[in-house]
Structure formats: C-alpha cells, structure tokens
Amino acid sequence: MNFYGNVATNPHRVVSKSSGRAYWELRVAESQKSDGPSIPQYYTVRVMFDKDPCLKVGDFVRVTGKLKVDFYLNRLGEPSGNLLVIAFEATKYIRPDAVIAEAEAKEKEVEKVKSAAAPSLKAVSATAAPTPKHKAVATGPMHTTVAAAPSPVLQEPLAPIIWPQINSMQEPGFAGWSDC
C-alpha cells in the first residue's frame, strides 16, 4: 500500500517486548479532496528501522507498507481498532512552493550581501593606497594564484554559488536522504 499524508504526531522510538527490536511509530493523516468537508483518515505507521526517520508534525510524506487492522479492547472494555501500516519506507516530500520560496530567499540574501559589501569596497578603494604589483586571483575553492595587476581596479565581490541539489533519478519534490 502507498499513500500520501501529513505527519500528525512526532515519531517516537518503541522497542518490541517480544523480539527486542526497535522501530519508530507515528500517526499520519491522509486527506482526500472532495466537494464537501474533508474528513482525514488516520493511520498508525510503524517504520520498521531503528534509524530516526527525521520527520516532524506537518511534514508531507509518502508511506509504503502493508496495511493491517489492529484490534484491541479500549478503556471501557469495548472492542476497537486502528488502521496500522507496517512501513518499509516513509519518505518526506518538499512541496514545490516551499522549494521556490527557499530559492528566492537565498537569492535575496545573496543580493543583500552584495549590496552590503559594495559600499565598503568603494570606501577602501577611494583612499590613497599604493598600487600593488601583484594581486591574488581565486582559481578554485582551495587554490590561489598570484597574477600581475596592471592598475588598481575595483572588482565586484564574488557572489556565493548556490548549487541546486537535483538528482534526476529521484522523484520531483524528494527531500533526499540525510541525517537530520
């Protein structure tokens, strides 16, 4: 079974009394779009790995696993049940609007850094300083080359490079595997 939903409770680690194995348990709400009011379907999800799934309340996830019905007697002694998914995978997805907003925020931050650094560079270059015979030129992240400088020229500061984290083998919106 595959389904998409929002994490309703923070995952907590549980150790099985019978086997001693650890797993993570959380509740996920699946909501269907309809004309009338939407009533979410809640599932108890057991992620059968001891590694922290790095999920929090409100995250949009895809759950893959086996659906079971967990029957029990409630506090009043009446029979009750929960839908339980024994999950092989619980993958966090980032919605495209969140990705776009994050990229725009980084772009604004770069512009702010450029505008803040430009006046200070102009002030330094306006003072009478001796003309250097050589200047350092950045050729890579760890390398510096010394080149002849014909005249003192104000150069714009280099903007930080924002590398997109794209893997064509993954589905769109996949948050990636990371250690929290």
N, C-alpha and C. Protein backbone atom coordinates (compact mmCIF):
# COMPACT_ATOMS: atom_id res chain seq x y z
N MET A 1 0.84 -1.17 0.00
CA MET A 1 0.00 0.00 0.00
C MET A 1 0.89 1.24 0.00
N ASN A 2 0.55 2.19 -0.84
CA ASN A 2 1.20 3.51 -0.87
C ASN A 2 0.15 4.55 -0.55
N PHE A 3 0.50 5.53 0.25
CA PHE A 3 -0.39 6.67 0.45
C PHE A 3 0.43 7.88 0.84
N TYR A 4 -0.17 9.05 0.59
CA TYR A 4 0.45 10.33 0.92
C TYR A 4 -0.37 10.98 2.03
N GLY A 5 0.32 11.65 2.94
CA GLY A 5 -0.39 12.33 4.01
C GLY A 5 0.54 13.23 4.80
N ASN A 6 -0.01 13.81 5.85
CA ASN A 6 0.75 14.70 6.73
C ASN A 6 0.99 14.02 8.06
N VAL A 7 2.19 14.20 8.59
CA VAL A 7 2.53 13.62 9.89
C VAL A 7 1.69 14.33 10.96
N ALA A 8 0.96 13.54 11.76
CA ALA A 8 0.07 14.10 12.78
C ALA A 8 0.71 14.10 14.18
N THR A 9 1.62 13.18 14.43
CA THR A 9 2.33 13.14 15.72
C THR A 9 3.82 12.94 15.46
N ASN A 10 4.64 13.46 16.34
CA ASN A 10 6.08 13.26 16.18
C ASN A 10 6.41 11.78 16.37
N PRO A 11 7.33 11.25 15.57
CA PRO A 11 7.70 9.83 15.72
C PRO A 11 8.36 9.58 17.07
N HIS A 12 8.07 8.43 17.64
CA HIS A 12 8.75 8.04 18.88
C HIS A 12 9.26 6.61 18.72
N ARG A 13 10.39 6.35 19.35
CA ARG A 13 11.05 5.05 19.25
C ARG A 13 10.40 4.07 20.22
N VAL A 14 10.09 2.89 19.70
CA VAL A 14 9.47 1.84 20.51
C VAL A 14 10.33 0.59 20.39
N VAL A 15 10.51 -0.13 21.50
CA VAL A 15 11.23 -1.40 21.49
C VAL A 15 10.21 -2.51 21.73
N SER A 16 10.19 -3.48 20.83
CA SER A 16 9.26 -4.59 20.93
C SER A 16 9.57 -5.43 22.16
N LYS A 17 8.53 -5.79 22.91
CA LYS A 17 8.72 -6.59 24.11
C LYS A 17 9.08 -8.03 23.76
N SER A 18 8.52 -8.54 22.67
CA SER A 18 8.76 -9.95 22.33
C SER A 18 10.10 -10.17 21.63
N SER A 19 10.45 -9.35 20.64
CA SER A 19 11.68 -9.59 19.88
C SER A 19 12.85 -8.70 20.32
N GLY A 20 12.56 -7.60 21.01
CA GLY A 20 13.61 -6.67 21.43
C GLY A 20 14.08 -5.74 20.33
N ARG A 21 13.44 -5.78 19.17
CA ARG A 21 13.82 -4.90 18.06
C ARG A 21 13.17 -3.53 18.23
N ALA A 22 13.86 -2.52 17.75
CA ALA A 22 13.35 -1.15 17.86
C ALA A 22 12.74 -0.73 16.52
N TYR A 23 11.71 0.10 16.61
CA TYR A 23 11.08 0.69 15.43
C TYR A 23 10.54 2.05 15.82
N TRP A 24 10.11 2.84 14.83
CA TRP A 24 9.58 4.18 15.07
C TRP A 24 8.09 4.17 14.76
N GLU A 25 7.30 4.80 15.62
CA GLU A 25 5.86 4.82 15.44
C GLU A 25 5.37 6.27 15.39
N LEU A 26 4.43 6.53 14.48
CA LEU A 26 3.85 7.86 14.34
C LEU A 26 2.46 7.73 13.75
N ARG A 27 1.72 8.82 13.76
CA ARG A 27 0.38 8.85 13.15
C ARG A 27 0.45 9.76 11.92
N VAL A 28 -0.20 9.31 10.84
CA VAL A 28 -0.23 10.06 9.60
C VAL A 28 -1.68 10.25 9.18
N ALA A 29 -2.05 11.46 8.79
CA ALA A 29 -3.40 11.78 8.35
C ALA A 29 -3.42 11.88 6.83
N GLU A 30 -4.27 11.05 6.21
CA GLU A 30 -4.45 11.11 4.76
C GLU A 30 -5.77 11.82 4.50
N SER A 31 -5.72 12.84 3.66
CA SER A 31 -6.92 13.62 3.38
C SER A 31 -7.22 13.56 1.90
N GLN A 32 -8.46 13.26 1.55
CA GLN A 32 -8.89 13.20 0.16
C GLN A 32 -9.60 14.50 -0.19
N LYS A 33 -9.38 15.00 -1.40
CA LYS A 33 -10.10 16.19 -1.84
C LYS A 33 -11.51 15.79 -2.25
N SER A 34 -12.48 16.56 -1.80
CA SER A 34 -13.87 16.28 -2.16
C SER A 34 -14.64 17.59 -2.22
N ASP A 35 -15.90 17.51 -2.67
CA ASP A 35 -16.73 18.71 -2.76
C ASP A 35 -17.11 19.23 -1.37
N GLY A 36 -17.43 18.32 -0.48
CA GLY A 36 -17.85 18.71 0.87
C GLY A 36 -16.67 18.80 1.80
N PRO A 37 -16.95 18.80 3.10
CA PRO A 37 -15.86 18.86 4.07
C PRO A 37 -15.04 17.57 4.00
N SER A 38 -13.74 17.72 4.09
CA SER A 38 -12.83 16.59 4.01
C SER A 38 -12.54 16.06 5.41
N ILE A 39 -12.79 14.77 5.61
CA ILE A 39 -12.51 14.13 6.89
C ILE A 39 -11.26 13.28 6.71
N PRO A 40 -10.19 13.57 7.43
CA PRO A 40 -8.95 12.82 7.22
C PRO A 40 -9.06 11.39 7.77
N GLN A 41 -8.34 10.49 7.13
CA GLN A 41 -8.22 9.11 7.60
C GLN A 41 -6.86 9.00 8.29
N TYR A 42 -6.86 8.59 9.54
CA TYR A 42 -5.62 8.48 10.30
C TYR A 42 -5.11 7.05 10.27
N TYR A 43 -3.80 6.91 10.12
CA TYR A 43 -3.14 5.62 10.15
C TYR A 43 -2.05 5.67 11.22
N THR A 44 -1.86 4.56 11.93
CA THR A 44 -0.70 4.40 12.78
C THR A 44 0.36 3.76 11.91
N VAL A 45 1.52 4.39 11.82
CA VAL A 45 2.59 3.90 10.95
C VAL A 45 3.75 3.45 11.81
N ARG A 46 4.20 2.24 11.56
CA ARG A 46 5.39 1.70 12.23
C ARG A 46 6.49 1.58 11.19
N VAL A 47 7.49 2.42 11.29
CA VAL A 47 8.65 2.37 10.39
C VAL A 47 9.61 1.36 11.00
N MET A 48 9.80 0.26 10.30
CA MET A 48 10.49 -0.89 10.89
C MET A 48 12.01 -0.82 10.76
N PHE A 49 12.57 0.36 10.99
CA PHE A 49 14.01 0.54 11.03
C PHE A 49 14.34 1.25 12.33
N ASP A 50 15.54 1.00 12.84
CA ASP A 50 15.94 1.64 14.09
C ASP A 50 16.50 3.04 13.85
N LYS A 51 16.67 3.45 12.60
CA LYS A 51 17.19 4.79 12.30
C LYS A 51 16.06 5.82 12.40
N ASP A 52 16.38 6.97 13.00
CA ASP A 52 15.40 8.06 13.14
C ASP A 52 14.90 8.49 11.78
N PRO A 53 13.57 8.53 11.54
CA PRO A 53 13.05 8.91 10.23
C PRO A 53 13.14 10.40 9.93
N CYS A 54 13.55 11.23 10.89
CA CYS A 54 13.72 12.68 10.70
C CYS A 54 12.43 13.35 10.22
N LEU A 55 11.33 13.03 10.83
CA LEU A 55 10.03 13.62 10.49
C LEU A 55 9.52 14.40 11.68
N LYS A 56 8.68 15.41 11.38
CA LYS A 56 8.04 16.17 12.46
C LYS A 56 6.60 16.45 12.05
N VAL A 57 5.82 16.94 12.96
CA VAL A 57 4.41 17.22 12.72
C VAL A 57 4.27 18.20 11.54
N GLY A 58 3.41 17.86 10.60
CA GLY A 58 3.14 18.72 9.45
C GLY A 58 3.90 18.34 8.20
N ASP A 59 4.92 17.49 8.29
CA ASP A 59 5.68 17.08 7.10
C ASP A 59 4.78 16.27 6.17
N PHE A 60 4.94 16.48 4.88
CA PHE A 60 4.20 15.75 3.86
C PHE A 60 5.02 14.51 3.51
N VAL A 61 4.44 13.32 3.67
CA VAL A 61 5.19 12.08 3.49
C VAL A 61 4.47 11.11 2.57
N ARG A 62 5.27 10.22 1.98
CA ARG A 62 4.73 9.07 1.26
C ARG A 62 5.10 7.84 2.08
N VAL A 63 4.11 7.02 2.38
CA VAL A 63 4.34 5.82 3.18
C VAL A 63 4.08 4.61 2.29
N THR A 64 5.01 3.67 2.33
CA THR A 64 4.87 2.41 1.60
C THR A 64 4.96 1.29 2.62
N GLY A 65 3.97 0.41 2.62
CA GLY A 65 3.99 -0.69 3.57
C GLY A 65 2.77 -1.57 3.45
N LYS A 66 2.57 -2.40 4.45
CA LYS A 66 1.47 -3.36 4.47
C LYS A 66 0.40 -2.89 5.45
N LEU A 67 -0.85 -2.86 4.99
CA LEU A 67 -1.95 -2.40 5.83
C LEU A 67 -2.49 -3.55 6.67
N LYS A 68 -2.67 -3.29 7.95
CA LYS A 68 -3.27 -4.26 8.87
C LYS A 68 -4.27 -3.53 9.74
N VAL A 69 -5.16 -4.29 10.36
CA VAL A 69 -6.10 -3.72 11.32
C VAL A 69 -5.68 -4.23 12.69
N ASP A 70 -5.46 -3.31 13.62
CA ASP A 70 -5.01 -3.64 14.97
C ASP A 70 -6.23 -3.57 15.90
N PHE A 71 -6.71 -4.73 16.35
CA PHE A 71 -7.87 -4.80 17.24
C PHE A 71 -7.42 -4.83 18.69
N TYR A 72 -8.20 -4.17 19.55
CA TYR A 72 -7.89 -4.16 20.98
C TYR A 72 -9.16 -3.81 21.75
N LEU A 73 -9.09 -3.93 23.06
CA LEU A 73 -10.19 -3.51 23.94
C LEU A 73 -9.84 -2.14 24.49
N ASN A 74 -10.76 -1.18 24.36
CA ASN A 74 -10.48 0.16 24.85
C ASN A 74 -10.65 0.23 26.37
N ARG A 75 -10.55 1.42 26.94
CA ARG A 75 -10.63 1.59 28.40
C ARG A 75 -11.95 1.14 28.99
N LEU A 76 -13.00 1.23 28.19
CA LEU A 76 -14.32 0.82 28.66
C LEU A 76 -14.58 -0.67 28.45
N GLY A 77 -13.61 -1.38 27.90
CA GLY A 77 -13.76 -2.80 27.66
C GLY A 77 -14.47 -3.13 26.35
N GLU A 78 -14.69 -2.13 25.52
CA GLU A 78 -15.35 -2.35 24.24
C GLU A 78 -14.31 -2.65 23.16
N PRO A 79 -14.65 -3.52 22.20
CA PRO A 79 -13.69 -3.78 21.12
C PRO A 79 -13.52 -2.55 20.23
N SER A 80 -12.30 -2.28 19.83
CA SER A 80 -11.98 -1.14 18.98
C SER A 80 -10.83 -1.54 18.06
N GLY A 81 -10.50 -0.68 17.13
CA GLY A 81 -9.41 -1.00 16.21
C GLY A 81 -8.80 0.24 15.59
N ASN A 82 -7.59 0.08 15.09
CA ASN A 82 -6.85 1.13 14.39
C ASN A 82 -6.34 0.56 13.08
N LEU A 83 -6.20 1.42 12.09
CA LEU A 83 -5.53 1.02 10.86
C LEU A 83 -4.04 1.18 11.09
N LEU A 84 -3.31 0.10 10.87
CA LEU A 84 -1.88 0.06 11.14
C LEU A 84 -1.15 -0.24 9.85
N VAL A 85 -0.12 0.54 9.56
CA VAL A 85 0.71 0.29 8.38
C VAL A 85 2.09 -0.10 8.86
N ILE A 86 2.50 -1.32 8.49
CA ILE A 86 3.87 -1.76 8.76
C ILE A 86 4.69 -1.23 7.58
N ALA A 87 5.44 -0.16 7.81
CA ALA A 87 6.07 0.60 6.73
C ALA A 87 7.48 0.11 6.41
N PHE A 88 7.72 -0.04 5.12
CA PHE A 88 9.07 -0.31 4.63
C PHE A 88 9.78 1.01 4.36
N GLU A 89 8.96 2.05 4.13
CA GLU A 89 9.52 3.34 3.76
C GLU A 89 8.56 4.45 4.19
N ALA A 90 9.10 5.54 4.71
CA ALA A 90 8.34 6.76 5.00
C ALA A 90 9.22 7.91 4.51
N THR A 91 8.90 8.43 3.33
CA THR A 91 9.73 9.42 2.66
C THR A 91 9.12 10.80 2.76
N LYS A 92 9.91 11.77 3.20
CA LYS A 92 9.46 13.15 3.31
C LYS A 92 9.55 13.81 1.94
N TYR A 93 8.52 14.56 1.58
CA TYR A 93 8.50 15.30 0.33
C TYR A 93 8.41 16.79 0.64
N ILE A 94 9.07 17.58 -0.21
CA ILE A 94 9.01 19.03 -0.09
C ILE A 94 8.09 19.52 -1.19
N ARG A 95 7.12 20.30 -0.83
CA ARG A 95 6.19 20.83 -1.81
C ARG A 95 6.90 21.85 -2.68
N PRO A 96 6.57 21.90 -3.98
CA PRO A 96 7.28 22.81 -4.89
C PRO A 96 7.25 24.27 -4.46
N ASP A 97 6.14 24.76 -3.89
CA ASP A 97 6.09 26.16 -3.48
C ASP A 97 7.11 26.44 -2.37
N ALA A 98 7.36 25.46 -1.52
CA ALA A 98 8.36 25.63 -0.47
C ALA A 98 9.76 25.69 -1.07
N VAL A 99 10.01 24.89 -2.09
CA VAL A 99 11.31 24.90 -2.75
C VAL A 99 11.55 26.24 -3.43
N ILE A 100 10.53 26.75 -4.12
CA ILE A 100 10.65 28.03 -4.81
C ILE A 100 10.88 29.16 -3.81
N ALA A 101 10.13 29.16 -2.71
CA ALA A 101 10.29 30.21 -1.70
C ALA A 101 11.69 30.17 -1.08
N GLU A 102 12.21 28.96 -0.88
CA GLU A 102 13.55 28.83 -0.30
C GLU A 102 14.61 29.38 -1.26
N ALA A 103 14.46 29.09 -2.55
CA ALA A 103 15.42 29.60 -3.54
C ALA A 103 15.35 31.12 -3.63
N GLU A 104 14.14 31.68 -3.58
CA GLU A 104 14.00 33.14 -3.63
C GLU A 104 14.62 33.79 -2.39
N ALA A 105 14.46 33.16 -1.23
CA ALA A 105 15.05 33.71 -0.01
C ALA A 105 16.57 33.71 -0.09
N LYS A 106 17.15 32.63 -0.66
CA LYS A 106 18.61 32.58 -0.82
C LYS A 106 19.08 33.65 -1.80
N GLU A 107 18.31 33.86 -2.87
CA GLU A 107 18.68 34.87 -3.86
C GLU A 107 18.65 36.27 -3.25
N LYS A 108 17.64 36.57 -2.42
CA LYS A 108 17.57 37.86 -1.74
C LYS A 108 18.74 38.04 -0.78
N GLU A 109 19.12 36.95 -0.11
CA GLU A 109 20.24 37.00 0.83
C GLU A 109 21.54 37.32 0.09
N VAL A 110 21.73 36.72 -1.10
CA VAL A 110 22.92 36.99 -1.90
C VAL A 110 22.95 38.46 -2.31
N GLU A 111 21.81 38.99 -2.74
CA GLU A 111 21.74 40.41 -3.14
C GLU A 111 22.05 41.31 -1.96
N LYS A 112 21.57 40.95 -0.78
CA LYS A 112 21.83 41.75 0.43
C LYS A 112 23.32 41.76 0.75
N VAL A 113 23.97 40.60 0.61
CA VAL A 113 25.41 40.50 0.87
C VAL A 113 26.18 41.33 -0.14
N LYS A 114 25.77 41.26 -1.41
CA LYS A 114 26.45 42.05 -2.44
C LYS A 114 26.30 43.55 -2.19
N SER A 115 25.09 43.98 -1.83
CA SER A 115 24.87 45.42 -1.62
C SER A 115 25.57 45.91 -0.35
N ALA A 116 25.68 45.06 0.66
CA ALA A 116 26.36 45.46 1.89
C ALA A 116 27.87 45.51 1.69
N ALA A 117 28.42 44.62 0.84
CA ALA A 117 29.86 44.58 0.64
C ALA A 117 30.33 45.65 -0.34
N ALA A 118 29.52 46.06 -1.30
CA ALA A 118 29.92 47.02 -2.32
C ALA A 118 30.32 48.38 -1.75
N PRO A 119 29.55 49.01 -0.84
CA PRO A 119 29.98 50.32 -0.31
C PRO A 119 31.29 50.25 0.45
N SER A 120 31.53 49.19 1.19
CA SER A 120 32.76 49.10 1.96
C SER A 120 33.96 48.94 1.03
N LEU A 121 33.79 48.25 -0.10
CA LEU A 121 34.89 48.12 -1.05
C LEU A 121 35.19 49.44 -1.72
N LYS A 122 34.14 50.21 -2.04
CA LYS A 122 34.34 51.51 -2.67
C LYS A 122 35.05 52.47 -1.72
N ALA A 123 34.72 52.40 -0.44
CA ALA A 123 35.36 53.27 0.54
C ALA A 123 36.83 52.94 0.67
N VAL A 124 37.18 51.66 0.63
CA VAL A 124 38.57 51.25 0.75
C VAL A 124 39.34 51.68 -0.49
N SER A 125 38.74 51.54 -1.67
CA SER A 125 39.45 51.89 -2.90
C SER A 125 39.58 53.40 -3.06
N ALA A 126 38.73 54.20 -2.42
CA ALA A 126 38.79 55.65 -2.54
C ALA A 126 39.97 56.22 -1.77
N THR A 127 40.45 55.53 -0.76
CA THR A 127 41.59 56.03 -0.01
C THR A 127 42.85 55.85 -0.84
N ALA A 128 43.81 56.69 -0.61
CA ALA A 128 45.06 56.61 -1.37
C ALA A 128 45.88 55.45 -0.86
N ALA A 129 45.97 54.43 -1.66
CA ALA A 129 46.75 53.25 -1.29
C ALA A 129 47.78 53.00 -2.38
N PRO A 130 48.92 52.47 -2.02
CA PRO A 130 49.92 52.18 -3.04
C PRO A 130 49.40 51.12 -4.01
N THR A 131 49.81 51.25 -5.26
CA THR A 131 49.39 50.30 -6.28
C THR A 131 50.14 48.99 -6.08
N PRO A 132 49.43 47.89 -5.92
CA PRO A 132 50.13 46.61 -5.72
C PRO A 132 50.73 46.12 -7.03
N LYS A 133 51.86 45.45 -6.93
CA LYS A 133 52.48 44.90 -8.12
C LYS A 133 51.82 43.58 -8.51
N HIS A 134 51.28 42.89 -7.54
CA HIS A 134 50.63 41.60 -7.78
C HIS A 134 49.32 41.57 -7.01
N LYS A 135 48.42 40.79 -7.50
CA LYS A 135 47.17 40.59 -6.75
C LYS A 135 46.81 39.11 -6.77
N ALA A 136 46.07 38.69 -5.77
CA ALA A 136 45.66 37.29 -5.68
C ALA A 136 44.40 37.08 -6.50
N VAL A 137 44.39 36.00 -7.23
CA VAL A 137 43.23 35.65 -8.05
C VAL A 137 42.74 34.29 -7.59
N ALA A 138 41.47 34.18 -7.28
CA ALA A 138 40.92 32.91 -6.84
C ALA A 138 40.70 32.03 -8.06
N THR A 139 41.26 30.81 -8.03
CA THR A 139 41.07 29.87 -9.14
C THR A 139 40.27 28.66 -8.72
N GLY A 140 39.94 28.51 -7.48
CA GLY A 140 39.18 27.36 -7.01
C GLY A 140 38.94 27.49 -5.53
N PRO A 141 38.27 26.52 -4.94
CA PRO A 141 37.95 26.62 -3.51
C PRO A 141 39.17 26.56 -2.60
N MET A 142 40.24 25.90 -3.03
CA MET A 142 41.40 25.76 -2.17
C MET A 142 42.69 26.32 -2.79
N HIS A 143 42.61 26.90 -3.98
CA HIS A 143 43.80 27.34 -4.68
C HIS A 143 43.78 28.86 -4.86
N THR A 144 44.96 29.45 -4.80
CA THR A 144 45.10 30.87 -5.06
C THR A 144 46.29 31.06 -6.00
N THR A 145 46.12 31.85 -7.03
CA THR A 145 47.19 32.12 -7.98
C THR A 145 47.52 33.60 -7.90
N VAL A 146 48.78 33.93 -7.97
CA VAL A 146 49.20 35.33 -7.94
C VAL A 146 49.41 35.78 -9.38
N ALA A 147 48.75 36.88 -9.77
CA ALA A 147 48.87 37.40 -11.13
C ALA A 147 49.25 38.87 -11.06
N ALA A 148 49.85 39.36 -12.13
CA ALA A 148 50.25 40.77 -12.17
C ALA A 148 49.01 41.64 -12.26
N ALA A 149 49.02 42.75 -11.51
CA ALA A 149 47.89 43.68 -11.53
C ALA A 149 48.34 44.95 -12.23
N PRO A 150 47.82 45.23 -13.42
CA PRO A 150 48.26 46.42 -14.13
C PRO A 150 47.87 47.72 -13.45
N SER A 151 46.70 47.79 -12.87
CA SER A 151 46.29 49.01 -12.19
C SER A 151 45.27 48.64 -11.12
N PRO A 152 45.13 49.52 -10.10
CA PRO A 152 44.15 49.22 -9.07
C PRO A 152 42.73 49.41 -9.62
N VAL A 153 42.04 48.33 -9.80
CA VAL A 153 40.68 48.37 -10.34
C VAL A 153 39.75 47.76 -9.30
N LEU A 154 38.67 48.45 -9.06
CA LEU A 154 37.69 47.92 -8.12
C LEU A 154 36.94 46.78 -8.79
N GLN A 155 37.01 45.61 -8.17
CA GLN A 155 36.28 44.47 -8.71
C GLN A 155 35.11 44.16 -7.80
N GLU A 156 34.03 43.71 -8.40
CA GLU A 156 32.86 43.36 -7.61
C GLU A 156 33.15 42.09 -6.83
N PRO A 157 32.63 41.98 -5.61
CA PRO A 157 32.84 40.75 -4.84
C PRO A 157 32.12 39.58 -5.50
N LEU A 158 32.72 38.41 -5.38
CA LEU A 158 32.11 37.22 -5.96
C LEU A 158 30.92 36.80 -5.11
N ALA A 159 29.83 36.49 -5.77
CA ALA A 159 28.64 36.02 -5.07
C ALA A 159 28.80 34.55 -4.74
N PRO A 160 28.29 34.12 -3.60
CA PRO A 160 28.37 32.69 -3.29
C PRO A 160 27.57 31.89 -4.31
N ILE A 161 28.09 30.74 -4.64
CA ILE A 161 27.42 29.89 -5.62
C ILE A 161 26.39 29.03 -4.90
N ILE A 162 25.18 29.03 -5.42
CA ILE A 162 24.12 28.20 -4.86
C ILE A 162 23.96 27.00 -5.79
N TRP A 163 24.40 25.86 -5.33
CA TRP A 163 24.32 24.65 -6.14
C TRP A 163 22.97 24.00 -5.96
N PRO A 164 22.24 23.74 -7.04
CA PRO A 164 20.97 23.03 -6.91
C PRO A 164 21.23 21.58 -6.56
N GLN A 165 20.44 21.06 -5.67
CA GLN A 165 20.58 19.66 -5.28
C GLN A 165 19.54 18.86 -6.04
N ILE A 166 19.91 18.47 -7.25
CA ILE A 166 18.98 17.78 -8.13
C ILE A 166 19.57 16.43 -8.49
N ASN A 167 18.77 15.41 -8.41
CA ASN A 167 19.16 14.09 -8.83
C ASN A 167 18.06 13.60 -9.75
N SER A 168 18.36 13.39 -11.03
CA SER A 168 17.34 13.04 -12.00
C SER A 168 16.73 11.67 -11.72
N MET A 169 17.37 10.86 -10.90
CA MET A 169 16.84 9.53 -10.61
C MET A 169 15.76 9.57 -9.53
N GLN A 170 15.62 10.68 -8.83
CA GLN A 170 14.65 10.77 -7.75
C GLN A 170 13.38 11.42 -8.25
N GLU A 171 12.31 11.20 -7.52
CA GLU A 171 11.03 11.79 -7.89
C GLU A 171 11.04 13.28 -7.58
N PRO A 172 10.22 14.09 -8.29
CA PRO A 172 10.18 15.52 -8.00
C PRO A 172 9.70 15.78 -6.58
N GLY A 173 10.36 16.68 -5.89
CA GLY A 173 9.97 17.03 -4.55
C GLY A 173 10.60 16.18 -3.48
N PHE A 174 11.40 15.19 -3.85
CA PHE A 174 12.01 14.30 -2.86
C PHE A 174 13.00 15.08 -2.03
N ALA A 175 12.91 14.98 -0.71
CA ALA A 175 13.76 15.76 0.18
C ALA A 175 15.16 15.21 0.26
N GLY A 176 15.35 13.97 -0.08
CA GLY A 176 16.70 13.38 -0.05
C GLY A 176 16.96 12.66 1.25
N TRP A 177 17.98 11.84 1.23
CA TRP A 177 18.36 11.08 2.40
C TRP A 177 19.38 11.89 3.16
N SER A 178 19.09 12.19 4.39
CA SER A 178 20.04 12.96 5.18
C SER A 178 19.93 12.52 6.63
N ASP A 179 20.96 12.81 7.36
CA ASP A 179 20.95 12.53 8.79
C ASP A 179 20.48 13.77 9.50
N CYS A 180 19.20 13.93 9.63
CA CYS A 180 18.53 15.04 10.31
C CYS A 180 19.36 16.29 10.28
